[in-house]
Amino acid sequence: MKLPPALHNWNLSPRKAIAVQRDLAERVKRGPLAQPVRFIAGLDAAFSKDDKLCFGAVVLWDMNRQCVIEQHTACGKLTFPYVPGLLSFREVPTLLLALRKLSHTPDLLMCDGQGLAHPRRFGLACHLGVLCDLPSIGCAKSRLTGTHAELGRLRGSRAPLLDGAEVIGSVLRTQTGIRPVYVSIGHKIDLTEAEQIVLACATRYRLPEPTRLADQLVSAFKKQKLARLKPSQLR
């Protein structure tokens, strides 16, 4: 997969990273999809316990045939510190390495993280969507910010995720009686479409298949990679 030219460098202080977020947040496009979605790239990342390595995985999911087309992993050195609200600066460089390995360009990126449901309206899904110039969705397992009303227990039940009067995402029940997920747009999609795609991909489990499988892949890759490294390489 060929990526557009980089919009910023990664050697940043947290203060400069916040400035980058605020600048790139202006580039996020909120609106309906320009074309139908079939191939979805599910993305997830993990870190070594010593906080020196980031592991990334991408699973290309065919939404029509409900199967994996290809999958790739990547490993990169962590250079950015852990700062709440700036996690994309730790994950995105390695996730881009994984995306570059794809033979097919996805129609949409689905991230295990936030999109607009972020204090500066620029979570992981927004960051990747803008950098790749692709539609993107954030589907997170937990809430970062915002409030919501109680939602029904049946599959498909939803409630808007609010920051004051602003709708920044939705709380979506993907399986009856199971904890909901937190959906928000990342780039070039609207919230209703994002919810529909997440539901269509959540065929059996709480999490949609692209990110569920990416989570499994990155966990296995991390375990395998760390087992092969010598103790001196982990220092």
Protein backbone atom coordinates (compact mmCIF):
# COMPACT_ATOMS: atom_id res chain seq x y z
CA MET A 1 0.00 0.00 0.00
CA LYS A 2 1.40 3.36 -1.00
CA LEU A 3 0.91 6.12 1.56
CA PRO A 4 0.62 9.87 0.92
CA PRO A 5 3.57 12.13 1.83
CA ALA A 6 4.08 12.58 5.58
CA LEU A 7 2.33 15.59 7.12
CA HIS A 8 4.64 15.87 10.13
CA ASN A 9 7.68 14.24 11.72
CA TRP A 10 7.59 12.01 14.79
CA ASN A 11 10.45 13.56 16.75
CA LEU A 12 8.17 15.77 18.82
CA SER A 13 7.75 16.91 22.39
CA PRO A 14 4.29 16.38 23.94
CA ARG A 15 3.66 20.11 23.62
CA LYS A 16 4.42 20.08 19.90
CA ALA A 17 2.38 16.89 19.47
CA ILE A 18 -0.66 18.68 20.88
CA ALA A 19 -0.09 21.49 18.38
CA VAL A 20 0.04 18.91 15.57
CA GLN A 21 -3.23 17.38 16.78
CA ARG A 22 -4.97 20.74 16.79
CA ASP A 23 -3.66 21.55 13.33
CA LEU A 24 -4.55 18.21 11.76
CA ALA A 25 -7.95 18.12 13.48
CA GLU A 26 -8.93 20.89 11.06
CA ARG A 27 -8.36 18.45 8.19
CA VAL A 28 -10.80 15.81 9.45
CA LYS A 29 -13.71 15.48 7.03
CA ARG A 30 -17.08 14.64 8.54
CA GLY A 31 -19.56 13.40 5.99
CA PRO A 32 -20.93 10.39 4.12
CA LEU A 33 -18.69 7.88 2.41
CA ALA A 34 -17.72 8.70 -1.16
CA GLN A 35 -17.99 5.04 -2.23
CA PRO A 36 -19.16 1.68 -0.85
CA VAL A 37 -16.89 -0.14 1.59
CA ARG A 38 -15.81 -3.73 1.12
CA PHE A 39 -12.20 -4.10 2.27
CA ILE A 40 -11.58 -2.97 5.84
CA ALA A 41 -8.14 -2.76 7.46
CA GLY A 42 -8.45 -3.56 11.16
CA LEU A 43 -5.56 -2.15 13.20
CA ASP A 44 -4.26 -2.70 16.71
CA ALA A 45 -1.03 -2.09 18.62
CA ALA A 46 0.69 -3.40 21.75
CA PHE A 47 3.78 -2.46 23.74
CA SER A 48 6.62 -4.26 25.48
CA LYS A 49 6.65 -4.10 29.28
CA ASP A 50 9.82 -2.01 29.27
CA ASP A 51 8.05 0.56 27.05
CA LYS A 52 10.74 0.38 24.39
CA LEU A 53 8.95 -1.43 21.57
CA CYS A 54 5.65 -1.01 19.77
CA PHE A 55 4.06 -3.92 17.92
CA GLY A 56 1.49 -3.29 15.23
CA ALA A 57 -0.89 -5.47 13.24
CA VAL A 58 -3.22 -4.98 10.30
CA VAL A 59 -5.87 -7.45 9.14
CA LEU A 60 -7.55 -6.79 5.80
CA TRP A 61 -11.14 -8.01 6.10
CA ASP A 62 -13.50 -8.60 3.19
CA MET A 63 -16.85 -7.43 4.55
CA ASN A 64 -18.79 -9.07 1.73
CA ARG A 65 -17.24 -12.55 2.02
CA GLN A 66 -16.59 -12.27 5.77
CA CYS A 67 -12.99 -13.44 5.51
CA VAL A 68 -9.39 -12.29 5.88
CA ILE A 69 -7.65 -11.27 2.65
CA GLU A 70 -4.19 -10.58 4.10
CA GLN A 71 -2.54 -9.70 7.39
CA HIS A 72 0.76 -8.15 8.40
CA THR A 73 2.73 -7.14 11.48
CA ALA A 74 5.47 -4.64 12.25
CA CYS A 75 7.70 -3.73 15.16
CA GLY A 76 9.18 -0.31 15.94
CA LYS A 77 11.10 1.42 18.69
CA LEU A 78 9.10 3.67 20.99
CA THR A 79 10.41 7.22 21.17
CA PHE A 80 7.34 9.07 22.46
CA PRO A 81 6.43 8.96 26.17
CA TYR A 82 3.10 7.75 27.53
CA VAL A 83 0.85 10.82 27.72
CA PRO A 84 -2.94 10.42 27.95
CA GLY A 85 -4.58 11.87 24.85
CA LEU A 86 -1.40 11.48 22.77
CA LEU A 87 -1.33 7.71 22.36
CA SER A 88 -1.49 7.91 18.57
CA PHE A 89 2.04 9.36 18.54
CA ARG A 90 3.20 6.06 20.05
CA GLU A 91 1.14 3.74 17.85
CA VAL A 92 0.82 5.34 14.43
CA PRO A 93 4.47 5.07 13.24
CA THR A 94 4.43 1.28 13.70
CA LEU A 95 0.89 0.91 12.33
CA LEU A 96 2.00 2.76 9.19
CA LEU A 97 4.83 0.23 8.79
CA ALA A 98 2.25 -2.56 8.87
CA LEU A 99 -0.08 -0.76 6.45
CA ARG A 100 2.73 -0.31 3.92
CA LYS A 101 2.97 -4.11 3.66
CA LEU A 102 -0.57 -4.45 2.31
CA SER A 103 -0.89 -5.51 -1.32
CA HIS A 104 -4.39 -4.05 -1.50
CA THR A 105 -5.42 -0.53 -0.54
CA PRO A 106 -8.30 -0.78 1.96
CA ASP A 107 -11.57 1.08 1.51
CA LEU A 108 -11.62 1.96 5.20
CA LEU A 109 -9.47 1.81 8.33
CA MET A 110 -10.96 0.49 11.57
CA CYS A 111 -8.97 1.27 14.70
CA ASP A 112 -9.10 -0.18 18.18
CA GLY A 113 -9.24 3.32 19.66
CA GLN A 114 -10.97 6.68 19.47
CA GLY A 115 -11.76 8.97 16.58
CA LEU A 116 -13.57 12.24 17.33
CA ALA A 117 -14.37 10.96 20.83
CA HIS A 118 -11.17 12.59 22.06
CA PRO A 119 -10.59 15.78 24.09
CA ARG A 120 -9.08 17.51 21.03
CA ARG A 121 -11.27 15.65 18.51
CA PHE A 122 -8.23 13.87 17.11
CA GLY A 123 -7.86 10.32 18.34
CA LEU A 124 -6.03 7.43 16.69
CA ALA A 125 -8.66 6.88 13.96
CA CYS A 126 -8.56 10.56 12.96
CA HIS A 127 -4.75 10.58 12.93
CA LEU A 128 -4.47 7.48 10.72
CA GLY A 129 -7.35 8.53 8.49
CA VAL A 130 -5.89 11.96 7.79
CA LEU A 131 -2.34 10.65 7.24
CA CYS A 132 -3.52 7.86 4.92
CA ASP A 133 -6.28 9.98 3.32
CA LEU A 134 -8.76 7.15 3.84
CA PRO A 135 -12.13 6.81 5.57
CA SER A 136 -11.63 5.63 9.14
CA ILE A 137 -13.58 4.55 12.21
CA GLY A 138 -12.66 4.43 15.88
CA CYS A 139 -14.17 1.47 17.72
CA ALA A 140 -12.93 1.50 21.30
CA LYS A 141 -13.51 -0.92 24.16
CA SER A 142 -13.69 1.90 26.73
CA ARG A 143 -14.71 5.55 26.94
CA LEU A 144 -12.07 8.27 26.91
CA THR A 145 -14.36 11.27 27.24
CA GLY A 146 -18.03 12.21 27.02
CA THR A 147 -21.25 11.12 28.70
CA HIS A 148 -24.22 9.06 27.58
CA ALA A 149 -27.60 7.80 28.69
CA GLU A 150 -28.39 4.18 29.47
CA LEU A 151 -28.94 2.09 26.34
CA GLY A 152 -31.03 -0.97 25.65
CA ARG A 153 -29.62 -4.48 26.06
CA LEU A 154 -30.45 -5.73 22.54
CA ARG A 155 -27.97 -5.87 19.66
CA GLY A 156 -28.06 -2.59 17.74
CA SER A 157 -29.12 -0.48 20.74
CA ARG A 158 -27.28 2.83 20.77
CA ALA A 159 -26.98 6.09 22.67
CA PRO A 160 -25.19 9.26 21.58
CA LEU A 161 -21.87 9.99 23.26
CA LEU A 162 -21.96 13.66 24.22
CA ASP A 163 -19.52 16.35 25.21
CA GLY A 164 -21.92 19.00 26.39
CA ALA A 165 -24.33 19.43 23.49
CA GLU A 166 -21.90 18.05 20.89
CA VAL A 167 -22.29 14.49 19.64
CA ILE A 168 -18.76 13.06 19.49
CA GLY A 169 -19.67 9.41 18.93
CA SER A 170 -22.05 6.72 20.03
CA VAL A 171 -22.27 3.87 22.50
CA LEU A 172 -23.26 0.78 20.52
CA ARG A 173 -24.41 -2.65 21.69
CA THR A 174 -22.99 -5.12 19.18
CA GLN A 175 -24.35 -8.25 20.87
CA THR A 176 -27.41 -8.66 23.10
CA GLY A 177 -26.57 -8.46 26.78
CA ILE A 178 -22.87 -7.77 26.15
CA ARG A 179 -20.98 -4.59 27.10
CA PRO A 180 -21.15 -1.94 24.36
CA VAL A 181 -18.33 -0.44 22.28
CA TYR A 182 -17.62 3.24 21.70
CA VAL A 183 -17.83 4.26 18.06
CA SER A 184 -16.69 7.55 16.58
CA ILE A 185 -15.79 8.76 13.12
CA GLY A 186 -12.17 9.16 12.18
CA HIS A 187 -12.23 10.67 8.69
CA LYS A 188 -14.43 10.82 5.58
CA ILE A 189 -17.46 9.04 7.06
CA ASP A 190 -20.53 9.91 9.10
CA LEU A 191 -21.52 8.41 12.43
CA THR A 192 -24.52 6.45 11.14
CA GLU A 193 -22.36 4.74 8.52
CA ALA A 194 -19.68 4.03 11.13
CA GLU A 195 -22.25 2.34 13.39
CA GLN A 196 -23.64 0.29 10.50
CA ILE A 197 -20.19 -0.95 9.49
CA VAL A 198 -19.22 -1.85 13.06
CA LEU A 199 -22.46 -3.82 13.46
CA ALA A 200 -22.01 -5.56 10.12
CA CYS A 201 -18.51 -6.65 11.15
CA ALA A 202 -19.50 -7.73 14.68
CA THR A 203 -20.76 -11.07 13.44
CA ARG A 204 -20.33 -13.20 16.58
CA TYR A 205 -18.47 -11.25 19.23
CA ARG A 206 -18.53 -7.92 21.00
CA LEU A 207 -15.71 -6.55 18.85
CA PRO A 208 -15.95 -6.23 15.06
CA GLU A 209 -13.91 -8.88 13.26
CA PRO A 210 -11.23 -6.59 11.72
CA THR A 211 -10.06 -5.21 15.07
CA ARG A 212 -10.75 -8.41 17.02
CA LEU A 213 -8.50 -10.35 14.67
CA ALA A 214 -5.89 -7.58 14.67
CA ASP A 215 -5.85 -7.75 18.47
CA GLN A 216 -5.22 -11.50 18.35
CA LEU A 217 -2.55 -11.10 15.69
CA VAL A 218 -0.61 -8.39 17.51
CA SER A 219 -0.73 -10.32 20.79
CA ALA A 220 0.72 -13.42 19.14
CA PHE A 221 3.32 -11.38 17.26
CA LYS A 222 4.42 -9.58 20.44
CA LYS A 223 4.85 -12.88 22.29
CA GLN A 224 6.78 -14.42 19.41
CA LYS A 225 8.99 -11.37 18.89
CA LEU A 226 9.89 -10.97 22.56
CA ALA A 227 10.71 -14.67 22.85
CA ARG A 228 13.27 -14.31 20.07
CA LEU A 229 15.00 -11.21 21.43
CA LYS A 230 18.10 -11.56 23.56
CA PRO A 231 18.03 -9.91 27.02
CA SER A 232 20.59 -7.35 25.81
CA GLN A 233 18.22 -6.28 23.03
CA LEU A 234 15.47 -5.47 25.53
CA ARG A 235 17.60 -3.01 27.50
